């Protein structure tokens, strides 16, 4: 059938296919252009486990009374609302008057999730260089800003899903690595997702973070 096509039809068919492939590549590659919190690599504890020193940061977070796997969707809607203008910018005095309004903030990665007193706390990292004084205030009372001090974090990277069962399995692996390295674990593990749900599963970058007593 293709052989019977007019030359221009073959060219259009090939062009359409190339555009489709380019669209998929762009869709999947977009995740590589989102900023991430800066850190310093201290050492590698295993092929897939790094010990990192993270700088102080600010998180926008929300608490969801739901099971682990059910929390991301409602949490993301709240946090995305804050990022995309559902906020009140800090007052700016100009000519003796105050001007306030919503501000759109850049999307960053990862999206973190941890369990706290039976609920799920999901958070976005705020853009580097912003502090509580310069960030807009959330309009949604379910969204709060929190400062995180500098910390040392053991990070295990893996692909695929970040559901509760996956976190439990990967956290168990990370616990074993830390125990063998003689590092003291602080608190509970946190899940870090770097890709939207539309990313092909085998391309998703997930991490388990576990804060440890500074080894420096």
N, C-alpha and C. Protein backbone atom coordinates (compact mmCIF):
# COMPACT_ATOMS: atom_id res chain seq x y z
N UNK A 1 0.83 -1.21 0.00
CA UNK A 1 0.00 0.00 0.00
C UNK A 1 0.86 1.25 0.00
N UNK A 2 1.94 1.21 0.82
CA UNK A 2 2.83 2.37 0.89
C UNK A 2 3.51 2.60 -0.45
N UNK A 3 3.87 1.46 -1.13
CA UNK A 3 4.56 1.57 -2.42
C UNK A 3 3.68 2.27 -3.44
N UNK A 4 2.35 2.15 -3.32
CA UNK A 4 1.44 2.75 -4.28
C UNK A 4 1.17 4.22 -4.00
N UNK A 5 1.66 4.74 -2.90
CA UNK A 5 1.41 6.12 -2.53
C UNK A 5 2.18 7.08 -3.44
N UNK A 6 1.63 8.27 -3.59
CA UNK A 6 2.34 9.33 -4.28
C UNK A 6 3.54 9.76 -3.43
N UNK A 7 4.63 10.24 -4.06
CA UNK A 7 5.83 10.65 -3.29
C UNK A 7 5.51 11.63 -2.17
N UNK A 8 4.62 12.60 -2.47
CA UNK A 8 4.32 13.60 -1.43
C UNK A 8 3.61 12.97 -0.23
N UNK A 9 2.82 11.92 -0.50
CA UNK A 9 2.12 11.24 0.59
C UNK A 9 3.12 10.48 1.47
N UNK A 10 4.14 9.87 0.83
CA UNK A 10 5.17 9.17 1.60
C UNK A 10 5.93 10.14 2.48
N UNK A 11 6.26 11.30 1.90
CA UNK A 11 7.00 12.32 2.67
C UNK A 11 6.17 12.80 3.85
N UNK A 12 4.87 13.02 3.62
CA UNK A 12 4.00 13.48 4.71
C UNK A 12 3.88 12.42 5.79
N UNK A 13 3.81 11.15 5.38
CA UNK A 13 3.70 10.07 6.35
C UNK A 13 4.95 9.98 7.23
N UNK A 14 6.13 10.07 6.58
CA UNK A 14 7.39 10.01 7.32
C UNK A 14 7.52 11.22 8.24
N UNK A 15 7.16 12.40 7.72
CA UNK A 15 7.25 13.62 8.51
C UNK A 15 6.34 13.53 9.74
N UNK A 16 5.13 13.01 9.53
CA UNK A 16 4.21 12.86 10.65
C UNK A 16 4.74 11.92 11.71
N UNK A 17 5.34 10.81 11.25
CA UNK A 17 5.91 9.85 12.19
C UNK A 17 7.06 10.48 12.98
N UNK A 18 7.91 11.23 12.28
CA UNK A 18 9.04 11.88 12.96
C UNK A 18 8.56 12.90 13.98
N UNK A 19 7.52 13.66 13.60
CA UNK A 19 6.98 14.63 14.54
C UNK A 19 6.39 13.94 15.77
N UNK A 20 5.74 12.80 15.53
CA UNK A 20 5.19 12.05 16.65
C UNK A 20 6.27 11.57 17.59
N UNK A 21 7.35 11.03 17.02
CA UNK A 21 8.47 10.57 17.85
C UNK A 21 9.10 11.74 18.60
N UNK A 22 9.28 12.86 17.89
CA UNK A 22 9.87 14.04 18.53
C UNK A 22 9.00 14.52 19.69
N UNK A 23 7.66 14.44 19.50
CA UNK A 23 6.76 14.86 20.56
C UNK A 23 6.89 14.00 21.80
N UNK A 24 6.97 12.68 21.58
CA UNK A 24 7.13 11.77 22.71
C UNK A 24 8.46 12.02 23.42
N UNK A 25 9.54 12.20 22.64
CA UNK A 25 10.86 12.45 23.24
C UNK A 25 10.82 13.73 24.06
N UNK A 26 10.21 14.79 23.49
CA UNK A 26 10.13 16.06 24.22
C UNK A 26 9.31 15.90 25.49
N UNK A 27 8.20 15.18 25.40
CA UNK A 27 7.31 14.94 26.55
C UNK A 27 8.07 14.22 27.65
N UNK A 28 8.84 13.21 27.30
CA UNK A 28 9.56 12.44 28.31
C UNK A 28 10.81 13.16 28.80
N UNK A 29 11.42 14.00 27.92
CA UNK A 29 12.67 14.68 28.29
C UNK A 29 12.43 15.95 29.09
N UNK A 30 11.19 16.44 29.11
CA UNK A 30 10.91 17.70 29.81
C UNK A 30 11.32 17.64 31.27
N UNK A 31 11.27 16.46 31.86
CA UNK A 31 11.60 16.29 33.27
C UNK A 31 13.04 16.64 33.57
N UNK A 32 13.92 16.61 32.54
CA UNK A 32 15.33 16.87 32.77
C UNK A 32 15.64 18.36 32.86
N UNK A 33 14.64 19.21 32.63
CA UNK A 33 14.86 20.65 32.64
C UNK A 33 14.21 21.33 33.83
N UNK A 34 13.88 20.55 34.85
CA UNK A 34 13.31 21.08 36.09
C UNK A 34 14.42 21.16 37.13
N UNK A 35 14.49 22.28 37.84
CA UNK A 35 15.57 22.45 38.81
C UNK A 35 15.38 21.55 40.03
N UNK A 36 16.48 21.19 40.65
CA UNK A 36 16.48 20.33 41.83
C UNK A 36 17.26 20.99 42.95
N UNK A 37 16.99 20.64 44.20
CA UNK A 37 17.73 21.26 45.31
C UNK A 37 19.20 20.90 45.22
N UNK A 38 20.09 21.86 45.46
CA UNK A 38 21.53 21.59 45.36
C UNK A 38 22.02 20.70 46.50
N UNK A 39 23.00 19.87 46.20
CA UNK A 39 23.60 19.04 47.23
C UNK A 39 25.06 18.76 46.87
N UNK A 40 25.80 18.27 47.84
CA UNK A 40 27.19 17.88 47.63
C UNK A 40 27.31 16.39 47.89
N UNK A 41 27.85 15.66 46.95
CA UNK A 41 28.02 14.23 47.11
C UNK A 41 29.19 13.96 48.05
N UNK A 42 28.89 13.27 49.15
CA UNK A 42 29.92 12.97 50.14
C UNK A 42 30.64 11.67 49.78
N UNK A 43 29.88 10.63 49.51
CA UNK A 43 30.46 9.37 49.08
C UNK A 43 29.35 8.43 48.63
N UNK A 44 29.76 7.36 47.95
CA UNK A 44 28.82 6.36 47.47
C UNK A 44 28.88 5.16 48.42
N UNK A 45 27.72 4.78 48.96
CA UNK A 45 27.65 3.68 49.91
C UNK A 45 27.39 2.34 49.22
N UNK A 46 26.82 2.39 48.01
CA UNK A 46 26.51 1.21 47.22
C UNK A 46 26.30 1.71 45.80
N UNK A 47 26.23 0.82 44.80
CA UNK A 47 26.04 1.28 43.43
C UNK A 47 24.85 2.22 43.25
N UNK A 48 23.78 2.01 44.02
CA UNK A 48 22.58 2.84 43.88
C UNK A 48 22.28 3.68 45.12
N UNK A 49 23.27 3.84 46.00
CA UNK A 49 23.06 4.61 47.23
C UNK A 49 24.16 5.66 47.39
N UNK A 50 23.74 6.92 47.54
CA UNK A 50 24.68 8.02 47.75
C UNK A 50 24.45 8.68 49.10
N UNK A 51 25.51 9.22 49.66
CA UNK A 51 25.41 10.03 50.86
C UNK A 51 25.60 11.47 50.41
N UNK A 52 24.57 12.30 50.62
CA UNK A 52 24.57 13.67 50.12
C UNK A 52 24.42 14.68 51.25
N UNK A 53 25.04 15.83 51.07
CA UNK A 53 24.88 16.96 52.00
C UNK A 53 24.00 17.99 51.30
N UNK A 54 22.79 18.18 51.80
CA UNK A 54 21.86 19.13 51.20
C UNK A 54 21.92 20.48 51.89
N UNK A 55 21.79 21.53 51.10
CA UNK A 55 21.75 22.88 51.62
C UNK A 55 20.37 23.15 52.24
N UNK A 56 20.25 24.20 53.05
CA UNK A 56 18.92 24.55 53.58
C UNK A 56 17.94 24.81 52.43
N UNK A 57 16.66 24.55 52.69
CA UNK A 57 15.64 24.73 51.65
C UNK A 57 14.32 25.10 52.31
N UNK A 58 13.38 25.51 51.47
CA UNK A 58 12.01 25.78 51.93
C UNK A 58 11.08 24.85 51.17
N UNK A 59 10.15 24.23 51.90
CA UNK A 59 9.17 23.34 51.30
C UNK A 59 7.78 23.96 51.40
N UNK A 60 6.98 23.74 50.36
CA UNK A 60 5.55 24.00 50.44
C UNK A 60 4.92 22.62 50.60
N UNK A 61 4.21 22.41 51.69
CA UNK A 61 3.71 21.06 51.96
C UNK A 61 2.25 21.08 52.38
N UNK A 62 1.62 19.92 52.23
CA UNK A 62 0.22 19.77 52.62
C UNK A 62 0.04 18.39 53.24
N UNK A 63 -0.87 18.30 54.17
CA UNK A 63 -1.14 17.07 54.90
C UNK A 63 -2.44 16.46 54.38
N UNK A 64 -2.41 15.19 54.02
CA UNK A 64 -3.59 14.53 53.48
C UNK A 64 -3.92 13.33 54.36
N UNK A 65 -5.15 13.30 54.85
CA UNK A 65 -5.60 12.18 55.66
C UNK A 65 -6.06 11.06 54.73
N UNK A 66 -5.11 10.28 54.25
CA UNK A 66 -5.43 9.22 53.30
C UNK A 66 -4.33 8.18 53.32
N UNK A 67 -4.59 7.07 52.66
CA UNK A 67 -3.56 6.04 52.52
C UNK A 67 -2.45 6.58 51.61
N UNK A 68 -1.29 5.97 51.72
CA UNK A 68 -0.12 6.43 50.96
C UNK A 68 -0.42 6.57 49.47
N UNK A 69 -0.98 5.55 48.87
CA UNK A 69 -1.20 5.54 47.42
C UNK A 69 -2.29 6.49 46.97
N UNK A 70 -3.16 6.92 47.88
CA UNK A 70 -4.26 7.81 47.52
C UNK A 70 -3.94 9.28 47.74
N UNK A 71 -2.84 9.57 48.41
CA UNK A 71 -2.53 10.95 48.80
C UNK A 71 -1.98 11.84 47.69
N UNK A 72 -1.16 11.34 46.75
CA UNK A 72 -0.51 12.24 45.79
C UNK A 72 -1.45 13.11 44.97
N UNK A 73 -2.56 12.58 44.47
CA UNK A 73 -3.44 13.37 43.60
C UNK A 73 -4.03 14.59 44.29
N UNK A 74 -4.71 14.45 45.43
CA UNK A 74 -5.24 15.66 46.07
C UNK A 74 -4.14 16.60 46.56
N UNK A 75 -3.02 16.02 46.99
CA UNK A 75 -1.91 16.86 47.46
C UNK A 75 -1.34 17.68 46.31
N UNK A 76 -1.16 17.05 45.16
CA UNK A 76 -0.60 17.75 44.02
C UNK A 76 -1.50 18.90 43.59
N UNK A 77 -2.81 18.69 43.60
CA UNK A 77 -3.73 19.76 43.20
C UNK A 77 -3.59 20.96 44.12
N UNK A 78 -3.49 20.71 45.41
CA UNK A 78 -3.33 21.83 46.35
C UNK A 78 -2.01 22.57 46.13
N UNK A 79 -0.94 21.80 46.00
CA UNK A 79 0.39 22.41 45.88
C UNK A 79 0.56 23.10 44.53
N UNK A 80 0.03 22.49 43.47
CA UNK A 80 0.11 23.12 42.16
C UNK A 80 -0.70 24.43 42.16
N UNK A 81 -1.82 24.44 42.87
CA UNK A 81 -2.60 25.67 42.99
C UNK A 81 -1.77 26.79 43.60
N UNK A 82 -1.00 26.45 44.62
CA UNK A 82 -0.12 27.44 45.24
C UNK A 82 0.94 27.92 44.26
N UNK A 83 1.58 26.98 43.56
CA UNK A 83 2.65 27.35 42.62
C UNK A 83 2.16 28.24 41.49
N UNK A 84 0.96 27.95 41.00
CA UNK A 84 0.48 28.62 39.80
C UNK A 84 -0.40 29.83 40.10
N UNK A 85 -0.15 30.48 41.23
CA UNK A 85 -0.80 31.76 41.50
C UNK A 85 -1.79 31.79 42.63
N UNK A 86 -2.06 30.65 43.26
CA UNK A 86 -2.98 30.64 44.39
C UNK A 86 -2.29 31.09 45.66
N UNK A 87 -1.82 32.32 45.65
CA UNK A 87 -1.03 32.83 46.76
C UNK A 87 -1.10 34.35 46.79
N UNK A 88 -0.55 34.91 47.84
CA UNK A 88 -0.48 36.36 47.98
C UNK A 88 0.99 36.72 48.08
N UNK A 89 1.48 37.47 47.10
CA UNK A 89 2.90 37.85 47.09
C UNK A 89 3.19 38.81 48.23
N UNK A 90 4.44 38.82 48.73
CA UNK A 90 4.80 39.77 49.78
C UNK A 90 4.50 41.20 49.35
N UNK A 91 4.03 42.01 50.30
CA UNK A 91 3.69 43.41 49.97
C UNK A 91 4.92 44.14 49.46
N UNK A 92 4.73 44.92 48.39
CA UNK A 92 5.82 45.73 47.85
C UNK A 92 5.37 47.20 47.91
N UNK A 93 6.12 47.97 48.63
CA UNK A 93 5.75 49.37 48.79
C UNK A 93 6.27 50.17 47.60
N UNK A 94 5.37 50.87 46.96
CA UNK A 94 5.73 51.71 45.82
C UNK A 94 4.86 52.96 45.86
N UNK A 95 5.50 54.07 46.03
CA UNK A 95 4.75 55.32 46.09
C UNK A 95 3.82 55.40 47.27
N UNK A 96 4.20 54.74 48.36
CA UNK A 96 3.41 54.83 49.58
C UNK A 96 2.27 53.84 49.66
N UNK A 97 2.07 53.03 48.62
CA UNK A 97 0.98 52.06 48.65
C UNK A 97 1.50 50.64 48.63
N UNK A 98 0.66 49.70 49.05
CA UNK A 98 1.01 48.29 49.03
C UNK A 98 0.38 47.63 47.80
N UNK A 99 1.16 46.82 47.13
CA UNK A 99 0.65 46.07 45.99
C UNK A 99 0.84 44.59 46.26
N UNK A 100 -0.25 43.86 46.29
CA UNK A 100 -0.16 42.42 46.53
C UNK A 100 -0.86 41.68 45.42
N UNK A 101 -0.43 40.49 45.16
CA UNK A 101 -1.06 39.69 44.11
C UNK A 101 -0.40 38.34 44.01
N UNK A 102 -1.00 37.43 43.27
CA UNK A 102 -0.46 36.10 43.11
C UNK A 102 0.83 36.10 42.29
N UNK A 103 1.67 35.15 42.58
CA UNK A 103 2.93 34.97 41.85
C UNK A 103 3.03 33.52 41.38
N UNK A 104 3.43 33.33 40.15
CA UNK A 104 3.66 31.98 39.63
C UNK A 104 5.10 31.58 39.93
N UNK A 105 5.26 30.42 40.51
CA UNK A 105 6.58 29.92 40.87
C UNK A 105 6.97 28.77 39.96
N UNK A 106 8.26 28.63 39.72
CA UNK A 106 8.75 27.57 38.84
C UNK A 106 8.57 26.21 39.50
N UNK A 107 8.20 25.23 38.69
CA UNK A 107 8.11 23.85 39.17
C UNK A 107 9.50 23.31 39.43
N UNK A 108 9.66 22.56 40.50
CA UNK A 108 10.94 21.95 40.84
C UNK A 108 10.73 20.45 41.10
N UNK A 109 11.81 19.76 41.32
CA UNK A 109 11.75 18.33 41.67
C UNK A 109 12.76 18.09 42.79
N UNK A 110 12.54 17.08 43.61
CA UNK A 110 11.46 16.10 43.54
C UNK A 110 10.23 16.53 44.32
N UNK A 111 9.17 15.76 44.18
CA UNK A 111 8.01 15.85 45.06
C UNK A 111 8.23 14.82 46.16
N UNK A 112 8.22 15.26 47.40
CA UNK A 112 8.49 14.32 48.50
C UNK A 112 7.21 13.91 49.21
N UNK A 113 7.24 12.75 49.82
CA UNK A 113 6.11 12.26 50.59
C UNK A 113 6.61 11.47 51.77
N UNK A 114 6.03 11.73 52.93
CA UNK A 114 6.39 10.99 54.14
C UNK A 114 5.12 10.76 54.96
N UNK A 115 5.16 9.75 55.78
CA UNK A 115 4.04 9.47 56.67
C UNK A 115 4.30 10.11 58.01
N UNK A 116 3.30 10.81 58.53
CA UNK A 116 3.44 11.50 59.81
C UNK A 116 2.16 11.34 60.61
N UNK A 117 2.22 10.61 61.70
CA UNK A 117 1.07 10.38 62.58
C UNK A 117 -0.14 9.86 61.80
N UNK A 118 0.11 8.91 60.92
CA UNK A 118 -0.96 8.26 60.19
C UNK A 118 -1.43 8.99 58.94
N UNK A 119 -0.99 10.23 58.74
CA UNK A 119 -1.37 10.99 57.55
C UNK A 119 -0.17 11.08 56.60
N UNK A 120 -0.44 11.52 55.37
CA UNK A 120 0.62 11.68 54.39
C UNK A 120 0.95 13.16 54.21
N UNK A 121 2.22 13.48 54.28
CA UNK A 121 2.67 14.86 54.07
C UNK A 121 3.42 14.90 52.74
N UNK A 122 2.87 15.64 51.78
CA UNK A 122 3.45 15.75 50.44
C UNK A 122 3.98 17.17 50.28
N UNK A 123 5.17 17.30 49.68
CA UNK A 123 5.81 18.61 49.62
C UNK A 123 6.50 18.87 48.29
N UNK A 124 6.50 20.15 47.89
CA UNK A 124 7.29 20.63 46.77
C UNK A 124 8.46 21.44 47.32
N UNK A 125 9.62 21.31 46.72
CA UNK A 125 10.74 22.18 47.06
C UNK A 125 10.53 23.53 46.38
N UNK A 126 10.79 24.61 47.10
CA UNK A 126 10.70 25.94 46.53
C UNK A 126 11.98 26.25 45.75
N UNK A 127 11.90 27.14 44.75
CA UNK A 127 13.07 27.45 43.94
C UNK A 127 14.25 27.90 44.79
N UNK A 128 15.44 27.52 44.35
CA UNK A 128 16.66 27.88 45.07
C UNK A 128 16.78 29.39 45.20
N UNK A 129 17.24 29.85 46.35
CA UNK A 129 17.42 31.28 46.58
C UNK A 129 16.23 31.97 47.21
N UNK A 130 15.10 31.27 47.34
CA UNK A 130 13.92 31.86 47.97
C UNK A 130 13.86 31.43 49.44
N UNK A 131 13.43 32.35 50.29
CA UNK A 131 13.27 32.05 51.71
C UNK A 131 11.85 32.42 52.13
N UNK A 132 11.55 32.21 53.41
CA UNK A 132 10.18 32.46 53.87
C UNK A 132 9.79 33.92 53.69
N UNK A 133 10.76 34.81 53.79
CA UNK A 133 10.45 36.23 53.65
C UNK A 133 10.14 36.66 52.23
N UNK A 134 10.66 35.93 51.25
CA UNK A 134 10.47 36.34 49.86
C UNK A 134 9.41 35.51 49.13
N UNK A 135 8.94 34.44 49.74
CA UNK A 135 7.96 33.60 49.08
C UNK A 135 6.54 34.09 49.34
N UNK A 136 5.65 33.92 48.38
CA UNK A 136 4.26 34.32 48.60
C UNK A 136 3.57 33.39 49.61
N UNK A 137 2.55 33.92 50.23
CA UNK A 137 1.81 33.17 51.25
C UNK A 137 0.71 32.36 50.57
N UNK A 138 0.55 31.07 50.91
CA UNK A 138 -0.52 30.27 50.29
C UNK A 138 -1.90 30.80 50.64
N UNK A 139 -2.80 30.80 49.66
CA UNK A 139 -4.19 31.16 49.93
C UNK A 139 -4.93 29.98 50.55
N UNK A 140 -4.54 28.78 50.18
CA UNK A 140 -5.17 27.58 50.70
C UNK A 140 -4.58 27.30 52.09
N UNK A 141 -5.40 27.32 53.14
CA UNK A 141 -4.87 27.09 54.49
C UNK A 141 -4.31 25.69 54.70
N UNK A 142 -4.58 24.79 53.76
CA UNK A 142 -4.05 23.42 53.88
C UNK A 142 -2.61 23.33 53.37
N UNK A 143 -2.11 24.41 52.79
CA UNK A 143 -0.72 24.46 52.30
C UNK A 143 0.10 25.34 53.24
N UNK A 144 1.25 24.85 53.65
CA UNK A 144 2.10 25.60 54.57
C UNK A 144 3.53 25.60 54.05
N UNK A 145 4.27 26.64 54.40
CA UNK A 145 5.69 26.74 54.05
C UNK A 145 6.52 26.35 55.27
N UNK A 146 7.58 25.59 55.02
CA UNK A 146 8.43 25.13 56.14
C UNK A 146 9.90 25.19 55.72
N UNK A 147 10.71 25.73 56.60
CA UNK A 147 12.16 25.76 56.37
C UNK A 147 12.77 24.43 56.79
N UNK A 148 13.69 23.93 55.97
CA UNK A 148 14.42 22.70 56.27
C UNK A 148 15.90 23.07 56.40
N UNK A 149 16.53 22.76 57.50
CA UNK A 149 17.95 23.12 57.66
C UNK A 149 18.86 22.23 56.81
N UNK A 150 20.12 22.59 56.74
CA UNK A 150 21.10 21.74 56.05
C UNK A 150 21.11 20.37 56.72
N UNK A 151 21.28 19.32 55.93
CA UNK A 151 21.22 17.97 56.49
C UNK A 151 22.00 16.99 55.62
N UNK A 152 22.34 15.86 56.22
CA UNK A 152 23.01 14.79 55.51
C UNK A 152 21.99 13.69 55.25
N UNK A 153 21.87 13.28 53.98
CA UNK A 153 20.82 12.35 53.59
C UNK A 153 21.42 11.19 52.79
N UNK A 154 21.04 9.99 53.16
CA UNK A 154 21.38 8.80 52.36
C UNK A 154 20.27 8.62 51.34
N UNK A 155 20.63 8.44 50.08
CA UNK A 155 19.65 8.40 49.00
C UNK A 155 19.82 7.14 48.17
N UNK A 156 18.75 6.36 48.07
CA UNK A 156 18.73 5.16 47.23
C UNK A 156 17.87 5.47 46.00
N UNK A 157 18.42 5.27 44.80
CA UNK A 157 17.72 5.57 43.56
C UNK A 157 17.17 4.30 42.92
N UNK A 158 15.97 4.40 42.35
CA UNK A 158 15.39 3.25 41.65
C UNK A 158 14.36 3.74 40.64
N UNK A 159 14.06 2.90 39.65
CA UNK A 159 13.08 3.23 38.62
C UNK A 159 11.77 2.51 38.91
N UNK A 160 10.72 2.92 38.18
CA UNK A 160 9.44 2.25 38.33
C UNK A 160 8.46 3.02 39.19
N UNK A 161 7.63 2.29 39.92
CA UNK A 161 6.56 2.87 40.72
C UNK A 161 7.08 3.36 42.07
N UNK A 162 6.32 4.27 42.66
CA UNK A 162 6.66 4.76 44.00
C UNK A 162 5.47 4.56 44.94
N UNK A 163 4.82 3.43 44.78
CA UNK A 163 3.70 3.12 45.66
C UNK A 163 4.21 2.65 47.02
N UNK A 164 3.29 2.46 47.95
CA UNK A 164 3.66 2.09 49.32
C UNK A 164 4.53 0.84 49.35
N UNK A 165 4.15 -0.19 48.60
CA UNK A 165 4.92 -1.43 48.60
C UNK A 165 6.34 -1.22 48.09
N UNK A 166 6.49 -0.35 47.09
CA UNK A 166 7.82 -0.08 46.54
C UNK A 166 8.67 0.66 47.57
N UNK A 167 8.08 1.65 48.22
CA UNK A 167 8.83 2.39 49.23
C UNK A 167 9.28 1.47 50.35
N UNK A 168 8.38 0.61 50.81
CA UNK A 168 8.74 -0.30 51.90
C UNK A 168 9.91 -1.19 51.52
N UNK A 169 9.88 -1.73 50.30
CA UNK A 169 10.94 -2.62 49.85
C UNK A 169 12.27 -1.88 49.71
N UNK A 170 12.22 -0.70 49.11
CA UNK A 170 13.45 0.06 48.90
C UNK A 170 13.99 0.62 50.22
N UNK A 171 13.10 1.02 51.12
CA UNK A 171 13.53 1.53 52.42
C UNK A 171 14.20 0.42 53.23
N UNK A 172 13.69 -0.80 53.09
CA UNK A 172 14.32 -1.92 53.78
C UNK A 172 15.74 -2.15 53.26
N UNK A 173 15.92 -2.04 51.94
CA UNK A 173 17.26 -2.16 51.37
C UNK A 173 18.18 -1.07 51.88
N UNK A 174 17.66 0.17 51.90
CA UNK A 174 18.47 1.30 52.35
C UNK A 174 18.85 1.15 53.82
N UNK A 175 17.91 0.67 54.63
CA UNK A 175 18.19 0.45 56.06
C UNK A 175 19.38 -0.50 56.22
N UNK A 176 19.40 -1.57 55.42
CA UNK A 176 20.50 -2.53 55.50
C UNK A 176 21.84 -1.91 55.13
N UNK A 177 21.83 -1.07 54.08
CA UNK A 177 23.08 -0.41 53.66
C UNK A 177 23.59 0.51 54.77
N UNK A 178 22.69 1.26 55.38
CA UNK A 178 23.10 2.21 56.43
C UNK A 178 23.59 1.48 57.67
N UNK A 179 22.93 0.41 58.03
CA UNK A 179 23.36 -0.36 59.20
C UNK A 179 24.75 -0.94 58.97
N UNK A 180 24.99 -1.45 57.76
CA UNK A 180 26.32 -2.01 57.48
C UNK A 180 27.40 -0.93 57.45
N UNK A 181 27.00 0.29 57.08
CA UNK A 181 27.97 1.39 57.04
C UNK A 181 28.15 2.03 58.41
N UNK A 182 27.35 1.61 59.39
CA UNK A 182 27.47 2.17 60.73
C UNK A 182 26.94 3.59 60.85
N UNK A 183 25.97 3.96 59.99
CA UNK A 183 25.40 5.31 60.02
C UNK A 183 24.10 5.32 60.81
N UNK A 184 23.96 6.31 61.66
CA UNK A 184 22.77 6.42 62.50
C UNK A 184 21.62 7.05 61.73
N UNK A 185 20.50 6.34 61.61
CA UNK A 185 19.33 6.84 60.92
C UNK A 185 18.55 7.80 61.81
N UNK A 186 18.02 8.88 61.21
CA UNK A 186 17.22 9.85 61.93
C UNK A 186 15.81 9.89 61.34
N UNK A 187 14.82 9.73 62.17
CA UNK A 187 13.44 9.79 61.69
C UNK A 187 13.10 8.62 60.80
N UNK A 188 12.16 8.87 59.88
CA UNK A 188 11.65 7.84 58.99
C UNK A 188 12.01 8.17 57.54
N UNK A 189 11.96 7.18 56.65
CA UNK A 189 12.32 7.44 55.25
C UNK A 189 11.28 8.31 54.54
N UNK A 190 11.75 9.00 53.50
CA UNK A 190 10.90 9.85 52.68
C UNK A 190 11.01 9.41 51.23
N UNK A 191 9.89 9.41 50.53
CA UNK A 191 9.89 9.10 49.10
C UNK A 191 10.10 10.38 48.32
N UNK A 192 10.90 10.31 47.25
CA UNK A 192 11.13 11.47 46.38
C UNK A 192 10.85 11.06 44.95
N UNK A 193 9.87 11.72 44.32
CA UNK A 193 9.50 11.43 42.94
C UNK A 193 9.96 12.58 42.05
N UNK A 194 10.62 12.25 40.95
CA UNK A 194 11.15 13.28 40.06
C UNK A 194 10.33 13.45 38.78
N UNK A 195 9.39 12.56 38.52
CA UNK A 195 8.68 12.58 37.25
C UNK A 195 7.17 12.59 37.45
N UNK A 196 6.44 13.19 36.50
CA UNK A 196 4.97 13.14 36.57
C UNK A 196 4.47 11.74 36.26
N UNK A 197 3.23 11.44 36.62
CA UNK A 197 2.66 10.11 36.38
C UNK A 197 2.64 9.73 34.90
N UNK A 198 2.69 10.73 34.00
CA UNK A 198 2.66 10.45 32.57
C UNK A 198 3.98 9.89 32.05
N UNK A 199 5.03 9.95 32.85
CA UNK A 199 6.32 9.40 32.43
C UNK A 199 6.25 7.89 32.33
N UNK A 200 6.83 7.34 31.29
CA UNK A 200 6.83 5.88 31.14
C UNK A 200 7.47 5.25 32.37
N UNK A 201 6.86 4.19 32.91
CA UNK A 201 7.30 3.62 34.19
C UNK A 201 8.79 3.32 34.27
N UNK A 202 9.35 2.74 33.23
CA UNK A 202 10.76 2.35 33.30
C UNK A 202 11.71 3.54 33.19
N UNK A 203 11.16 4.73 32.88
CA UNK A 203 11.98 5.94 32.81
C UNK A 203 11.86 6.79 34.08
N UNK A 204 10.97 6.40 34.97
CA UNK A 204 10.75 7.21 36.17
C UNK A 204 11.95 7.12 37.11
N UNK A 205 12.29 8.25 37.66
CA UNK A 205 13.37 8.32 38.64
C UNK A 205 12.74 8.54 40.02
N UNK A 206 12.95 7.58 40.87
CA UNK A 206 12.46 7.67 42.24
C UNK A 206 13.63 7.52 43.20
N UNK A 207 13.48 8.07 44.38
CA UNK A 207 14.51 7.93 45.41
C UNK A 207 13.85 7.71 46.77
N UNK A 208 14.58 7.04 47.64
CA UNK A 208 14.23 6.98 49.05
C UNK A 208 15.29 7.78 49.80
N UNK A 209 14.84 8.75 50.58
CA UNK A 209 15.76 9.58 51.37
C UNK A 209 15.66 9.17 52.84
N UNK A 210 16.80 9.09 53.48
CA UNK A 210 16.81 8.83 54.92
C UNK A 210 17.89 9.71 55.54
N UNK A 211 17.46 10.65 56.35
CA UNK A 211 18.43 11.53 57.00
C UNK A 211 19.26 10.72 57.99
N UNK A 212 20.56 11.04 58.06
CA UNK A 212 21.47 10.34 58.95
C UNK A 212 22.28 11.35 59.75
N UNK A 213 22.83 10.89 60.84
CA UNK A 213 23.74 11.72 61.62
C UNK A 213 24.93 12.10 60.74
N UNK A 214 25.27 13.37 60.73
CA UNK A 214 26.35 13.83 59.85
C UNK A 214 27.60 12.97 60.01
N UNK A 215 28.15 12.54 58.85
CA UNK A 215 29.34 11.69 58.87
C UNK A 215 30.58 12.47 58.54
N UNK A 216 30.47 13.78 58.40
CA UNK A 216 31.64 14.60 58.03
C UNK A 216 32.53 14.86 59.26
